[in-house]
PDB file of all heavy atoms in Angstrom:
ATOM      1  N   VAL A   1      11.906   8.439  62.556  1.00  0.00           N
ATOM      2  CA  VAL A   1      12.180   9.773  62.022  1.00  0.00           C
ATOM      3  C   VAL A   1      12.230   9.715  60.482  1.00  0.00           C
ATOM      4  O   VAL A   1      12.889   8.819  59.851  1.00  0.00           O
ATOM      5  CB  VAL A   1      13.525  10.407  62.606  1.00  0.00           C
ATOM      6  CG1 VAL A   1      13.720  11.731  61.967  1.00  0.00           C
ATOM      7  CG2 VAL A   1      13.337  10.451  64.124  1.00  0.00           C
ATOM      8  N   LEU A   2      11.514  10.674  59.917  1.00  0.00           N
ATOM      9  CA  LEU A   2      11.407  10.770  58.471  1.00  0.00           C
ATOM     10  C   LEU A   2      12.513  11.762  58.005  1.00  0.00           C
ATOM     11  O   LEU A   2      12.715  12.755  58.513  1.00  0.00           O
ATOM     12  CB  LEU A   2      10.093  11.273  58.005  1.00  0.00           C
ATOM     13  CG  LEU A   2       9.888  11.755  56.554  1.00  0.00           C
ATOM     14  CD1 LEU A   2      10.041  10.549  55.544  1.00  0.00           C
ATOM     15  CD2 LEU A   2       8.640  12.605  56.326  1.00  0.00           C
ATOM     16  N   THR A   3      13.169  11.400  56.881  1.00  0.00           N
ATOM     17  CA  THR A   3      14.035  12.313  56.208  1.00  0.00           C
ATOM     18  C   THR A   3      13.570  12.437  54.700  1.00  0.00           C
ATOM     19  O   THR A   3      13.049  11.517  54.151  1.00  0.00           O
ATOM     20  CB  THR A   3      15.472  11.901  56.156  1.00  0.00           C
ATOM     21  OG1 THR A   3      16.416  12.796  55.367  1.00  0.00           O
ATOM     22  CG2 THR A   3      15.737  10.456  55.376  1.00  0.00           C
ATOM     23  N   THR A   4      13.529  13.716  54.156  1.00  0.00           N
ATOM     24  CA  THR A   4      13.010  13.852  52.878  1.00  0.00           C
ATOM     25  C   THR A   4      14.267  13.892  51.872  1.00  0.00           C
ATOM     26  O   THR A   4      15.361  14.316  52.380  1.00  0.00           O
ATOM     27  CB  THR A   4      12.226  15.073  52.671  1.00  0.00           C
ATOM     28  OG1 THR A   4      13.107  16.300  53.038  1.00  0.00           O
ATOM     29  CG2 THR A   4      11.062  15.071  53.634  1.00  0.00           C
ATOM     30  N   LEU A   5      14.164  13.414  50.702  1.00  0.00           N
ATOM     31  CA  LEU A   5      15.214  13.449  49.688  1.00  0.00           C
ATOM     32  C   LEU A   5      14.743  13.510  48.337  1.00  0.00           C
ATOM     33  O   LEU A   5      13.574  13.498  48.017  1.00  0.00           O
ATOM     34  CB  LEU A   5      16.051  12.072  49.863  1.00  0.00           C
ATOM     35  CG  LEU A   5      15.160  10.819  50.058  1.00  0.00           C
ATOM     36  CD1 LEU A   5      14.692  10.292  48.709  1.00  0.00           C
ATOM     37  CD2 LEU A   5      16.043   9.653  50.643  1.00  0.00           C
ATOM     38  N   ARG A   6      15.616  13.671  47.467  1.00  0.00           N
ATOM     39  CA  ARG A   6      15.199  13.892  45.931  1.00  0.00           C
ATOM     40  C   ARG A   6      15.791  12.660  45.188  1.00  0.00           C
ATOM     41  O   ARG A   6      16.686  11.944  45.656  1.00  0.00           O
ATOM     42  CB  ARG A   6      15.776  15.128  45.430  1.00  0.00           C
ATOM     43  CG  ARG A   6      17.301  15.213  45.375  1.00  0.00           C
ATOM     44  CD  ARG A   6      17.716  16.622  44.896  1.00  0.00           C
ATOM     45  NE  ARG A   6      19.185  16.816  45.001  1.00  0.00           N
ATOM     46  CZ  ARG A   6      19.743  17.943  44.664  1.00  0.00           C
ATOM     47  NH1 ARG A   6      19.085  19.054  44.359  1.00  0.00           N
ATOM     48  NH2 ARG A   6      21.133  18.031  44.830  1.00  0.00           N
ATOM     49  N   SER A   7      15.175  12.442  44.023  1.00  0.00           N
ATOM     50  CA  SER A   7      15.535  11.333  43.128  1.00  0.00           C
ATOM     51  C   SER A   7      16.613  11.696  42.269  1.00  0.00           C
ATOM     52  O   SER A   7      17.007  12.786  42.165  1.00  0.00           O
ATOM     53  CB  SER A   7      14.295  10.863  42.415  1.00  0.00           C
ATOM     54  OG  SER A   7      13.879  11.788  41.482  1.00  0.00           O
ATOM     55  N   HIS A   8      17.023  10.701  41.407  1.00  0.00           N
ATOM     56  CA  HIS A   8      18.058  10.941  40.372  1.00  0.00           C
ATOM     57  C   HIS A   8      17.512  11.915  39.299  1.00  0.00           C
ATOM     58  O   HIS A   8      18.242  12.914  38.943  1.00  0.00           O
ATOM     59  CB  HIS A   8      18.474   9.662  39.733  1.00  0.00           C
ATOM     60  CG  HIS A   8      19.374   9.893  38.518  1.00  0.00           C
ATOM     61  ND1 HIS A   8      18.938   9.935  37.211  1.00  0.00           N
ATOM     62  CD2 HIS A   8      20.643  10.149  38.493  1.00  0.00           C
ATOM     63  CE1 HIS A   8      19.900  10.129  36.469  1.00  0.00           C
ATOM     64  NE2 HIS A   8      20.887  10.216  37.141  1.00  0.00           N
ATOM     65  N   ASP A   9      16.315  11.827  38.946  1.00  0.00           N
ATOM     66  CA  ASP A   9      15.672  12.626  37.884  1.00  0.00           C
ATOM     67  C   ASP A   9      14.998  13.827  38.449  1.00  0.00           C
ATOM     68  O   ASP A   9      13.946  14.239  38.175  1.00  0.00           O
ATOM     69  CB  ASP A   9      14.577  11.813  37.081  1.00  0.00           C
ATOM     70  CG  ASP A   9      15.245  10.789  36.147  1.00  0.00           C
ATOM     71  OD1 ASP A   9      16.503  10.824  36.048  1.00  0.00           O
ATOM     72  OD2 ASP A   9      14.408  10.060  35.543  1.00  0.00           O
ATOM     73  N   GLN A  10      15.728  14.576  39.390  1.00  0.00           N
ATOM     74  CA  GLN A  10      15.202  15.710  40.118  1.00  0.00           C
ATOM     75  C   GLN A  10      16.380  16.673  40.314  1.00  0.00           C
ATOM     76  O   GLN A  10      17.439  16.394  40.596  1.00  0.00           O
ATOM     77  CB  GLN A  10      14.660  15.240  41.335  1.00  0.00           C
ATOM     78  CG  GLN A  10      14.002  16.309  42.186  1.00  0.00           C
ATOM     79  CD  GLN A  10      13.232  15.743  43.416  1.00  0.00           C
ATOM     80  OE1 GLN A  10      13.054  14.604  43.633  1.00  0.00           O
ATOM     81  NE2 GLN A  10      12.872  16.698  44.236  1.00  0.00           N
ATOM     82  N   TYR A  11      16.073  17.956  40.110  1.00  0.00           N
ATOM     83  CA  TYR A  11      16.962  19.002  40.512  1.00  0.00           C
ATOM     84  C   TYR A  11      16.137  19.991  41.459  1.00  0.00           C
ATOM     85  O   TYR A  11      15.166  20.592  41.068  1.00  0.00           O
ATOM     86  CB  TYR A  11      17.433  19.882  39.273  1.00  0.00           C
ATOM     87  CG  TYR A  11      18.321  21.005  39.670  1.00  0.00           C
ATOM     88  CD1 TYR A  11      19.600  20.740  40.015  1.00  0.00           C
ATOM     89  CD2 TYR A  11      17.879  22.279  39.583  1.00  0.00           C
ATOM     90  CE1 TYR A  11      20.482  21.812  40.334  1.00  0.00           C
ATOM     91  CE2 TYR A  11      18.716  23.372  40.002  1.00  0.00           C
ATOM     92  CZ  TYR A  11      20.049  23.059  40.356  1.00  0.00           C
ATOM     93  OH  TYR A  11      20.838  24.091  40.661  1.00  0.00           O
ATOM     94  N   ASN A  12      16.507  19.983  42.751  1.00  0.00           N
ATOM     95  CA  ASN A  12      15.862  20.684  43.722  1.00  0.00           C
ATOM     96  C   ASN A  12      14.319  20.266  43.732  1.00  0.00           C
ATOM     97  O   ASN A  12      14.112  18.960  43.825  1.00  0.00           O
ATOM     98  CB  ASN A  12      15.927  22.139  43.556  1.00  0.00           C
ATOM     99  CG  ASN A  12      17.301  22.624  43.900  1.00  0.00           C
ATOM    100  OD1 ASN A  12      18.034  21.979  44.573  1.00  0.00           O
ATOM    101  ND2 ASN A  12      17.801  23.772  43.243  1.00  0.00           N
ATOM    102  N   THR A  13      13.349  21.099  43.537  1.00  0.00           N
ATOM    103  CA  THR A  13      11.954  20.656  43.493  1.00  0.00           C
ATOM    104  C   THR A  13      11.522  20.548  42.030  1.00  0.00           C
ATOM    105  O   THR A  13      10.250  20.142  41.827  1.00  0.00           O
ATOM    106  CB  THR A  13      11.070  21.656  44.201  1.00  0.00           C
ATOM    107  OG1 THR A  13      11.231  22.867  43.661  1.00  0.00           O
ATOM    108  CG2 THR A  13      11.340  21.720  45.726  1.00  0.00           C
ATOM    109  N   THR A  14      12.331  20.594  41.161  1.00  0.00           N
ATOM    110  CA  THR A  14      11.977  20.290  39.707  1.00  0.00           C
ATOM    111  C   THR A  14      12.073  18.893  39.268  1.00  0.00           C
ATOM    112  O   THR A  14      13.228  18.299  39.459  1.00  0.00           O
ATOM    113  CB  THR A  14      12.826  21.315  38.758  1.00  0.00           C
ATOM    114  OG1 THR A  14      12.621  22.613  39.095  1.00  0.00           O
ATOM    115  CG2 THR A  14      12.418  21.091  37.298  1.00  0.00           C
ATOM    116  N   LEU A  15      11.095  18.240  38.798  1.00  0.00           N
ATOM    117  CA  LEU A  15      11.032  16.866  38.487  1.00  0.00           C
ATOM    118  C   LEU A  15      11.239  16.661  37.066  1.00  0.00           C
ATOM    119  O   LEU A  15      10.406  17.219  36.288  1.00  0.00           O
ATOM    120  CB  LEU A  15       9.843  16.083  38.955  1.00  0.00           C
ATOM    121  CG  LEU A  15       9.370  16.328  40.387  1.00  0.00           C
ATOM    122  CD1 LEU A  15       8.117  15.551  40.772  1.00  0.00           C
ATOM    123  CD2 LEU A  15      10.479  15.895  41.421  1.00  0.00           C
ATOM    124  N   TYR A  16      12.272  15.970  36.559  1.00  0.00           N
ATOM    125  CA  TYR A  16      12.431  15.685  35.083  1.00  0.00           C
ATOM    126  C   TYR A  16      11.968  14.250  34.770  1.00  0.00           C
ATOM    127  O   TYR A  16      11.901  13.926  33.485  1.00  0.00           O
ATOM    128  CB  TYR A  16      13.880  15.861  34.794  1.00  0.00           C
ATOM    129  CG  TYR A  16      14.423  17.247  34.892  1.00  0.00           C
ATOM    130  CD1 TYR A  16      15.190  17.717  35.967  1.00  0.00           C
ATOM    131  CD2 TYR A  16      14.048  18.284  33.954  1.00  0.00           C
ATOM    132  CE1 TYR A  16      15.591  18.986  36.231  1.00  0.00           C
ATOM    133  CE2 TYR A  16      14.455  19.593  34.182  1.00  0.00           C
ATOM    134  CZ  TYR A  16      15.383  19.935  35.236  1.00  0.00           C
ATOM    135  OH  TYR A  16      15.616  21.235  35.395  1.00  0.00           O
ATOM    136  N   GLY A  17      11.657  13.557  35.718  1.00  0.00           N
ATOM    137  CA  GLY A  17      11.129  12.081  35.423  1.00  0.00           C
ATOM    138  C   GLY A  17      10.680  11.456  36.617  1.00  0.00           C
ATOM    139  O   GLY A  17      10.820  12.015  37.784  1.00  0.00           O
ATOM    140  N   LEU A  18      10.287  10.205  36.421  1.00  0.00           N
ATOM    141  CA  LEU A  18       9.795   9.449  37.699  1.00  0.00           C
ATOM    142  C   LEU A  18      10.700   8.295  37.989  1.00  0.00           C
ATOM    143  O   LEU A  18      10.324   7.370  38.673  1.00  0.00           O
ATOM    144  CB  LEU A  18       8.335   8.853  37.369  1.00  0.00           C
ATOM    145  CG  LEU A  18       7.278   9.935  37.174  1.00  0.00           C
ATOM    146  CD1 LEU A  18       5.913   9.246  36.769  1.00  0.00           C
ATOM    147  CD2 LEU A  18       7.088  10.842  38.402  1.00  0.00           C
ATOM    148  N   ASN A  19      11.944   8.326  37.437  1.00  0.00           N
ATOM    149  CA  ASN A  19      12.987   7.254  37.724  1.00  0.00           C
ATOM    150  C   ASN A  19      13.966   7.739  38.746  1.00  0.00           C
ATOM    151  O   ASN A  19      14.286   8.892  38.732  1.00  0.00           O
ATOM    152  CB  ASN A  19      13.623   6.839  36.448  1.00  0.00           C
ATOM    153  CG  ASN A  19      12.578   6.359  35.477  1.00  0.00           C
ATOM    154  OD1 ASN A  19      11.547   5.679  35.821  1.00  0.00           O
ATOM    155  ND2 ASN A  19      12.902   6.504  34.159  1.00  0.00           N
ATOM    156  N   ASP A  20      14.375   6.737  39.603  1.00  0.00           N
ATOM    157  CA  ASP A  20      15.492   7.033  40.498  1.00  0.00           C
ATOM    158  C   ASP A  20      16.467   5.846  40.477  1.00  0.00           C
ATOM    159  O   ASP A  20      16.388   4.859  41.177  1.00  0.00           O
ATOM    160  CB  ASP A  20      14.850   7.125  41.921  1.00  0.00           C
ATOM    161  CG  ASP A  20      15.931   7.543  42.970  1.00  0.00           C
ATOM    162  OD1 ASP A  20      17.016   7.760  42.617  1.00  0.00           O
ATOM    163  OD2 ASP A  20      15.487   7.708  44.209  1.00  0.00           O
ATOM    164  N   ARG A  21      17.372   6.029  39.628  1.00  0.00           N
ATOM    165  CA  ARG A  21      18.462   4.996  39.469  1.00  0.00           C
ATOM    166  C   ARG A  21      19.268   4.836  40.684  1.00  0.00           C
ATOM    167  O   ARG A  21      19.985   3.883  40.736  1.00  0.00           O
ATOM    168  CB  ARG A  21      19.233   5.159  38.155  1.00  0.00           C
ATOM    169  CG  ARG A  21      20.209   6.414  38.202  1.00  0.00           C
ATOM    170  CD  ARG A  21      20.915   6.430  36.991  1.00  0.00           C
ATOM    171  NE  ARG A  21      22.024   7.369  37.055  1.00  0.00           N
ATOM    172  CZ  ARG A  21      22.789   7.853  35.946  1.00  0.00           C
ATOM    173  NH1 ARG A  21      22.471   7.338  34.798  1.00  0.00           N
ATOM    174  NH2 ARG A  21      23.782   8.667  36.115  1.00  0.00           N
ATOM    175  N   TYR A  22      19.379   5.936  41.467  1.00  0.00           N
ATOM    176  CA  TYR A  22      20.100   5.860  42.792  1.00  0.00           C
ATOM    177  C   TYR A  22      19.573   4.745  43.551  1.00  0.00           C
ATOM    178  O   TYR A  22      20.410   3.988  44.192  1.00  0.00           O
ATOM    179  CB  TYR A  22      19.913   7.038  43.517  1.00  0.00           C
ATOM    180  CG  TYR A  22      20.625   8.357  42.991  1.00  0.00           C
ATOM    181  CD1 TYR A  22      20.096   9.529  43.238  1.00  0.00           C
ATOM    182  CD2 TYR A  22      21.691   8.287  42.166  1.00  0.00           C
ATOM    183  CE1 TYR A  22      20.682  10.646  42.614  1.00  0.00           C
ATOM    184  CE2 TYR A  22      22.387   9.419  41.704  1.00  0.00           C
ATOM    185  CZ  TYR A  22      21.798  10.650  41.827  1.00  0.00           C
ATOM    186  OH  TYR A  22      22.322  11.788  41.383  1.00  0.00           O
ATOM    187  N   ARG A  23      18.257   4.512  43.619  1.00  0.00           N
ATOM    188  CA  ARG A  23      17.689   3.481  44.597  1.00  0.00           C
ATOM    189  C   ARG A  23      16.848   2.461  43.901  1.00  0.00           C
ATOM    190  O   ARG A  23      16.163   1.779  44.584  1.00  0.00           O
ATOM    191  CB  ARG A  23      16.832   4.313  45.598  1.00  0.00           C
ATOM    192  CG  ARG A  23      17.674   5.448  46.282  1.00  0.00           C
ATOM    193  CD  ARG A  23      16.765   6.290  47.151  1.00  0.00           C
ATOM    194  NE  ARG A  23      17.518   7.492  47.626  1.00  0.00           N
ATOM    195  CZ  ARG A  23      17.738   8.594  46.974  1.00  0.00           C
ATOM    196  NH1 ARG A  23      17.116   8.891  45.946  1.00  0.00           N
ATOM    197  NH2 ARG A  23      18.499   9.517  47.613  1.00  0.00           N
ATOM    198  N   GLY A  24      16.970   2.350  42.535  1.00  0.00           N
ATOM    199  CA  GLY A  24      16.232   1.332  41.928  1.00  0.00           C
ATOM    200  C   GLY A  24      14.775   1.478  41.804  1.00  0.00           C
ATOM    201  O   GLY A  24      14.041   0.355  41.574  1.00  0.00           O
ATOM    202  N   VAL A  25      14.191   2.560  41.851  1.00  0.00           N
ATOM    203  CA  VAL A  25      12.751   2.878  41.749  1.00  0.00           C
ATOM    204  C   VAL A  25      12.472   3.515  40.401  1.00  0.00           C
ATOM    205  O   VAL A  25      13.237   4.383  39.971  1.00  0.00           O
ATOM    206  CB  VAL A  25      12.209   3.732  42.858  1.00  0.00           C
ATOM    207  CG1 VAL A  25      10.788   4.078  42.603  1.00  0.00           C
ATOM    208  CG2 VAL A  25      12.374   3.121  44.164  1.00  0.00           C
ATOM    209  N   THR A  26      11.556   2.951  39.628  1.00  0.00           N
ATOM    210  CA  THR A  26      11.201   3.437  38.256  1.00  0.00           C
ATOM    211  C   THR A  26       9.727   3.751  38.163  1.00  0.00           C
ATOM    212  O   THR A  26       8.825   3.017  38.667  1.00  0.00           O
ATOM    213  CB  THR A  26      11.753   2.547  37.180  1.00  0.00           C
ATOM    214  OG1 THR A  26      10.995   1.228  37.389  1.00  0.00           O
ATOM    215  CG2 THR A  26      13.150   2.249  37.236  1.00  0.00           C
ATOM    216  N   GLY A  27       9.436   4.772  37.490  1.00  0.00           N
ATOM    217  CA  GLY A  27       8.066   5.174  37.169  1.00  0.00           C
ATOM    218  C   GLY A  27       7.240   5.615  38.303  1.00  0.00           C
ATOM    219  O   GLY A  27       5.946   5.783  38.028  1.00  0.00           O
ATOM    220  N   ARG A  28       7.638   5.884  39.323  1.00  0.00           N
ATOM    221  CA  ARG A  28       6.827   6.363  40.548  1.00  0.00           C
ATOM    222  C   ARG A  28       7.589   7.079  41.530  1.00  0.00           C
ATOM    223  O   ARG A  28       8.874   7.003  41.691  1.00  0.00           O
ATOM    224  CB  ARG A  28       6.116   5.193  41.124  1.00  0.00           C
ATOM    225  CG  ARG A  28       7.152   4.140  41.724  1.00  0.00           C
ATOM    226  CD  ARG A  28       6.517   2.816  42.123  1.00  0.00           C
ATOM    227  NE  ARG A  28       5.264   3.054  42.909  1.00  0.00           N
ATOM    228  CZ  ARG A  28       4.467   2.161  43.333  1.00  0.00           C
ATOM    229  NH1 ARG A  28       4.803   0.886  43.048  1.00  0.00           N
ATOM    230  NH2 ARG A  28       3.476   2.365  44.179  1.00  0.00           N
ATOM    231  N   ARG A  29       6.909   7.638  42.455  1.00  0.00           N
ATOM    232  CA  ARG A  29       7.556   8.485  43.597  1.00  0.00           C
ATOM    233  C   ARG A  29       6.906   8.275  44.862  1.00  0.00           C
ATOM    234  O   ARG A  29       7.252   8.709  45.939  1.00  0.00           O
ATOM    235  CB  ARG A  29       7.641   9.986  43.341  1.00  0.00           C
ATOM    236  CG  ARG A  29       8.580  10.331  42.099  1.00  0.00           C
ATOM    237  CD  ARG A  29       8.325  11.778  41.695  1.00  0.00           C
ATOM    238  NE  ARG A  29       8.683  12.676  42.869  1.00  0.00           N
ATOM    239  CZ  ARG A  29       9.928  13.122  43.170  1.00  0.00           C
ATOM    240  NH1 ARG A  29      11.063  12.599  42.488  1.00  0.00           N
ATOM    241  NH2 ARG A  29      10.121  13.908  44.150  1.00  0.00           N
ATOM    242  N   ASP A  30       5.758   7.530  44.828  1.00  0.00           N
ATOM    243  CA  ASP A  30       4.887   7.287  46.073  1.00  0.00           C
ATOM    244  C   ASP A  30       5.294   6.241  46.848  1.00  0.00           C
ATOM    245  O   ASP A  30       4.691   5.197  47.051  1.00  0.00           O
ATOM    246  CB  ASP A  30       3.368   7.114  45.692  1.00  0.00           C
ATOM    247  CG  ASP A  30       3.183   6.015  44.572  1.00  0.00           C
ATOM    248  OD1 ASP A  30       4.308   5.620  44.057  1.00  0.00           O
ATOM    249  OD2 ASP A  30       2.071   5.513  44.538  1.00  0.00           O
ATOM    250  N   VAL A  31       6.699   6.203  47.242  1.00  0.00           N
ATOM    251  CA  VAL A  31       7.248   5.217  47.979  1.00  0.00           C
ATOM    252  C   VAL A  31       7.844   5.698  49.407  1.00  0.00           C
ATOM    253  O   VAL A  31       8.033   6.898  49.518  1.00  0.00           O
ATOM    254  CB  VAL A  31       8.365   4.534  47.185  1.00  0.00           C
ATOM    255  CG1 VAL A  31       7.954   4.002  45.926  1.00  0.00           C
ATOM    256  CG2 VAL A  31       9.475   5.688  46.876  1.00  0.00           C
ATOM    257  N   LEU A  32       8.024   4.697  50.343  1.00  0.00           N
ATOM    258  CA  LEU A  32       8.631   4.929  51.570  1.00  0.00           C
ATOM    259  C   LEU A  32       9.817   4.018  51.675  1.00  0.00           C
ATOM    260  O   LEU A  32       9.633   2.831  51.761  1.00  0.00           O
ATOM    261  CB  LEU A  32       7.661   4.861  52.629  1.00  0.00           C
ATOM    262  CG  LEU A  32       8.050   5.149  54.087  1.00  0.00           C
ATOM    263  CD1 LEU A  32       8.369   6.760  54.191  1.00  0.00           C
ATOM    264  CD2 LEU A  32       7.122   4.756  55.103  1.00  0.00           C
ATOM    265  N   PHE A  33      11.013   4.507  51.908  1.00  0.00           N
ATOM    266  CA  PHE A  33      12.195   3.718  52.132  1.00  0.00           C
ATOM    267  C   PHE A  33      12.302   3.373  53.676  1.00  0.00           C
ATOM    268  O   PHE A  33      12.156   4.360  54.418  1.00  0.00           O
ATOM    269  CB  PHE A  33      13.439   4.440  51.626  1.00  0.00           C
ATOM    270  CG  PHE A  33      13.380   4.710  50.069  1.00  0.00           C
ATOM    271  CD1 PHE A  33      13.070   5.980  49.702  1.00  0.00           C
ATOM    272  CD2 PHE A  33      13.771   3.723  49.211  1.00  0.00           C
ATOM    273  CE1 PHE A  33      12.954   6.269  48.301  1.00  0.00           C
ATOM    274  CE2 PHE A  33      13.707   4.082  47.724  1.00  0.00           C
ATOM    275  CZ  PHE A  33      13.307   5.358  47.379  1.00  0.00           C
ATOM    276  N   MET A  34      12.750   2.173  53.874  1.00  0.00           N
ATOM    277  CA  MET A  34      13.090   1.811  55.259  1.00  0.00           C
ATOM    278  C   MET A  34      14.026   0.599  55.265  1.00  0.00           C
ATOM    279  O   MET A  34      14.064  -0.073  54.252  1.00  0.00           O
ATOM    280  CB  MET A  34      11.895   1.534  56.063  1.00  0.00           C
ATOM    281  CG  MET A  34      11.058   0.277  55.565  1.00  0.00           C
ATOM    282  SD  MET A  34       9.620  -0.067  56.770  1.00  0.00           S
ATOM    283  CE  MET A  34       8.760   1.399  56.668  1.00  0.00           C
ATOM    284  N   ALA A  35      14.778   0.407  56.344  1.00  0.00           N
ATOM    285  CA  ALA A  35      15.775  -0.666  56.494  1.00  0.00           C
ATOM    286  C   ALA A  35      15.029  -1.954  56.583  1.00  0.00           C
ATOM    287  O   ALA A  35      13.802  -1.964  57.042  1.00  0.00           O
ATOM    288  CB  ALA A  35      16.549  -0.405  57.740  1.00  0.00           C
ATOM    289  N   ALA A  36      15.644  -3.032  56.254  1.00  0.00           N
ATOM    290  CA  ALA A  36      14.995  -4.352  56.334  1.00  0.00           C
ATOM    291  C   ALA A  36      14.607  -4.713  57.741  1.00  0.00           C
ATOM    292  O   ALA A  36      13.490  -5.324  57.946  1.00  0.00           O
ATOM    293  CB  ALA A  36      15.953  -5.386  55.732  1.00  0.00           C
ATOM    294  N   ASP A  37      15.568  -4.429  58.609  1.00  0.00           N
ATOM    295  CA  ASP A  37      15.205  -4.734  60.135  1.00  0.00           C
ATOM    296  C   ASP A  37      14.044  -3.892  60.555  1.00  0.00           C
ATOM    297  O   ASP A  37      13.146  -4.397  61.309  1.00  0.00           O
ATOM    298  CB  ASP A  37      16.478  -4.503  60.885  1.00  0.00           C
ATOM    299  CG  ASP A  37      17.597  -5.399  60.659  1.00  0.00           C
ATOM    300  OD1 ASP A  37      17.300  -6.547  60.035  1.00  0.00           O
ATOM    301  OD2 ASP A  37      18.664  -5.147  61.159  1.00  0.00           O
ATOM    302  N   GLU A  38      13.972  -2.637  60.170  1.00  0.00           N
ATOM    303  CA  GLU A  38      12.806  -1.767  60.534  1.00  0.00           C
ATOM    304  C   GLU A  38      11.468  -2.290  60.004  1.00  0.00           C
ATOM    305  O   GLU A  38      10.412  -2.414  60.683  1.00  0.00           O
ATOM    306  CB  GLU A  38      13.082  -0.344  60.106  1.00  0.00           C
ATOM    307  CG  GLU A  38      12.159   0.693  60.747  1.00  0.00           C
ATOM    308  CD  GLU A  38      12.557   0.808  62.156  1.00  0.00           C
ATOM    309  OE1 GLU A  38      13.702   0.878  62.593  1.00  0.00           O
ATOM    310  OE2 GLU A  38      11.581   0.855  63.038  1.00  0.00           O
ATOM    311  N   ALA A  39      11.525  -2.785  58.748  1.00  0.00           N
ATOM    312  CA  ALA A  39      10.318  -3.303  58.117  1.00  0.00           C
ATOM    313  C   ALA A  39       9.909  -4.684  58.845  1.00  0.00           C
ATOM    314  O   ALA A  39       8.635  -4.828  59.106  1.00  0.00           O
ATOM    315  CB  ALA A  39      10.474  -3.535  56.589  1.00  0.00           C
ATOM    316  N   GLU A  40      10.858  -5.365  59.128  1.00  0.00           N
ATOM    317  CA  GLU A  40      10.566  -6.707  59.797  1.00  0.00           C
ATOM    318  C   GLU A  40       9.964  -6.483  61.177  1.00  0.00           C
ATOM    319  O   GLU A  40       9.042  -7.087  61.639  1.00  0.00           O
ATOM    320  CB  GLU A  40      11.769  -7.569  59.891  1.00  0.00           C
ATOM    321  CG  GLU A  40      11.496  -8.958  60.474  1.00  0.00           C
ATOM    322  CD  GLU A  40      12.744  -9.835  60.473  1.00  0.00           C
ATOM    323  OE1 GLU A  40      13.821  -9.317  60.000  1.00  0.00           O
ATOM    324  OE2 GLU A  40      12.692 -10.993  61.102  1.00  0.00           O
ATOM    325  N   LYS A  41      10.610  -5.446  61.935  1.00  0.00           N
ATOM    326  CA  LYS A  41      10.077  -5.155  63.259  1.00  0.00           C
ATOM    327  C   LYS A  41       8.625  -4.750  63.245  1.00  0.00           C
ATOM    328  O   LYS A  41       7.929  -5.076  64.252  1.00  0.00           O
ATOM    329  CB  LYS A  41      10.984  -4.083  63.875  1.00  0.00           C
ATOM    330  CG  LYS A  41      10.524  -3.716  65.269  1.00  0.00           C
ATOM    331  CD  LYS A  41      11.571  -2.684  65.850  1.00  0.00           C
ATOM    332  CE  LYS A  41      11.498  -1.345  65.171  1.00  0.00           C
ATOM    333  NZ  LYS A  41      12.361  -0.397  65.847  1.00  0.00           N
ATOM    334  N   ARG A  42       8.207  -3.989  62.164  1.00  0.00           N
ATOM    335  CA  ARG A  42       6.933  -3.545  62.025  1.00  0.00           C
ATOM    336  C   ARG A  42       6.011  -4.484  61.235  1.00  0.00           C
ATOM    337  O   ARG A  42       4.806  -4.081  60.982  1.00  0.00           O
ATOM    338  CB  ARG A  42       6.939  -2.069  61.534  1.00  0.00           C
ATOM    339  CG  ARG A  42       7.708  -1.116  62.393  1.00  0.00           C
ATOM    340  CD  ARG A  42       8.068   0.226  61.719  1.00  0.00           C
ATOM    341  NE  ARG A  42       8.799   1.032  62.585  1.00  0.00           N
ATOM    342  CZ  ARG A  42       8.427   1.760  63.530  1.00  0.00           C
ATOM    343  NH1 ARG A  42       7.162   1.734  63.973  1.00  0.00           N
ATOM    344  NH2 ARG A  42       9.264   2.430  64.296  1.00  0.00           N
ATOM    345  N   GLN A  43       6.581  -5.588  60.869  1.00  0.00           N
ATOM    346  CA  GLN A  43       5.872  -6.525  60.117  1.00  0.00           C
ATOM    347  C   GLN A  43       5.267  -6.030  58.759  1.00  0.00           C
ATOM    348  O   GLN A  43       4.216  -6.243  58.331  1.00  0.00           O
ATOM    349  CB  GLN A  43       4.630  -7.183  60.931  1.00  0.00           C
ATOM    350  CG  GLN A  43       5.004  -7.835  62.260  1.00  0.00           C
ATOM    351  CD  GLN A  43       3.917  -8.477  62.941  1.00  0.00           C
ATOM    352  OE1 GLN A  43       2.769  -7.990  62.910  1.00  0.00           O
ATOM    353  NE2 GLN A  43       4.196  -9.567  63.626  1.00  0.00           N
ATOM    354  N   PHE A  44       6.233  -5.199  58.142  1.00  0.00           N
ATOM    355  CA  PHE A  44       5.892  -4.697  56.749  1.00  0.00           C
ATOM    356  C   PHE A  44       6.718  -5.512  55.825  1.00  0.00           C
ATOM    357  O   PHE A  44       7.755  -5.991  56.023  1.00  0.00           O
ATOM    358  CB  PHE A  44       6.363  -3.186  56.639  1.00  0.00           C
ATOM    359  CG  PHE A  44       5.509  -2.322  57.516  1.00  0.00           C
ATOM    360  CD1 PHE A  44       6.011  -1.030  57.861  1.00  0.00           C
ATOM    361  CD2 PHE A  44       4.162  -2.570  57.888  1.00  0.00           C
ATOM    362  CE1 PHE A  44       5.244  -0.182  58.621  1.00  0.00           C
ATOM    363  CE2 PHE A  44       3.451  -1.722  58.659  1.00  0.00           C
ATOM    364  CZ  PHE A  44       4.040  -0.531  59.095  1.00  0.00           C
ATOM    365  N   ARG A  45       6.146  -5.655  54.707  1.00  0.00           N
ATOM    366  CA  ARG A  45       6.823  -6.369  53.656  1.00  0.00           C
ATOM    367  C   ARG A  45       6.995  -5.403  52.379  1.00  0.00           C
ATOM    368  O   ARG A  45       6.214  -4.370  52.201  1.00  0.00           O
ATOM    369  CB  ARG A  45       5.987  -7.531  53.056  1.00  0.00           C
ATOM    370  CG  ARG A  45       5.884  -8.611  54.077  1.00  0.00           C
ATOM    371  CD  ARG A  45       5.047  -9.790  53.651  1.00  0.00           C
ATOM    372  NE  ARG A  45       3.667  -9.343  53.080  1.00  0.00           N
ATOM    373  CZ  ARG A  45       2.873 -10.104  52.367  1.00  0.00           C
ATOM    374  NH1 ARG A  45       3.173 -11.349  52.079  1.00  0.00           N
ATOM    375  NH2 ARG A  45       1.687  -9.691  52.067  1.00  0.00           N
ATOM    376  N   VAL A  46       7.854  -5.659  51.406  1.00  0.00           N
ATOM    377  CA  VAL A  46       7.938  -4.862  50.274  1.00  0.00           C
ATOM    378  C   VAL A  46       6.700  -4.838  49.453  1.00  0.00           C
ATOM    379  O   VAL A  46       6.134  -5.939  49.204  1.00  0.00           O
ATOM    380  CB  VAL A  46       9.228  -5.448  49.410  1.00  0.00           C
ATOM    381  CG1 VAL A  46       9.264  -4.663  48.032  1.00  0.00           C
ATOM    382  CG2 VAL A  46      10.556  -5.302  50.033  1.00  0.00           C
ATOM    383  N   GLY A  47       6.279  -3.759  49.101  1.00  0.00           N
ATOM    384  CA  GLY A  47       5.145  -3.616  48.369  1.00  0.00           C
ATOM    385  C   GLY A  47       3.853  -3.246  49.238  1.00  0.00           C
ATOM    386  O   GLY A  47       2.834  -2.958  48.621  1.00  0.00           O
TER     387      GLY A  47
END
């Protein structure tokens, strides 16, 4: 199940930057977060 969320540099749908210090992502938004066990089960690696 997918949940949608906003980054640190964001107010509602207004983007003020591409950094998300909440989750350690900088300079981009084209990411998909998942748990380590979930990634391993599906044979996905970071990146």
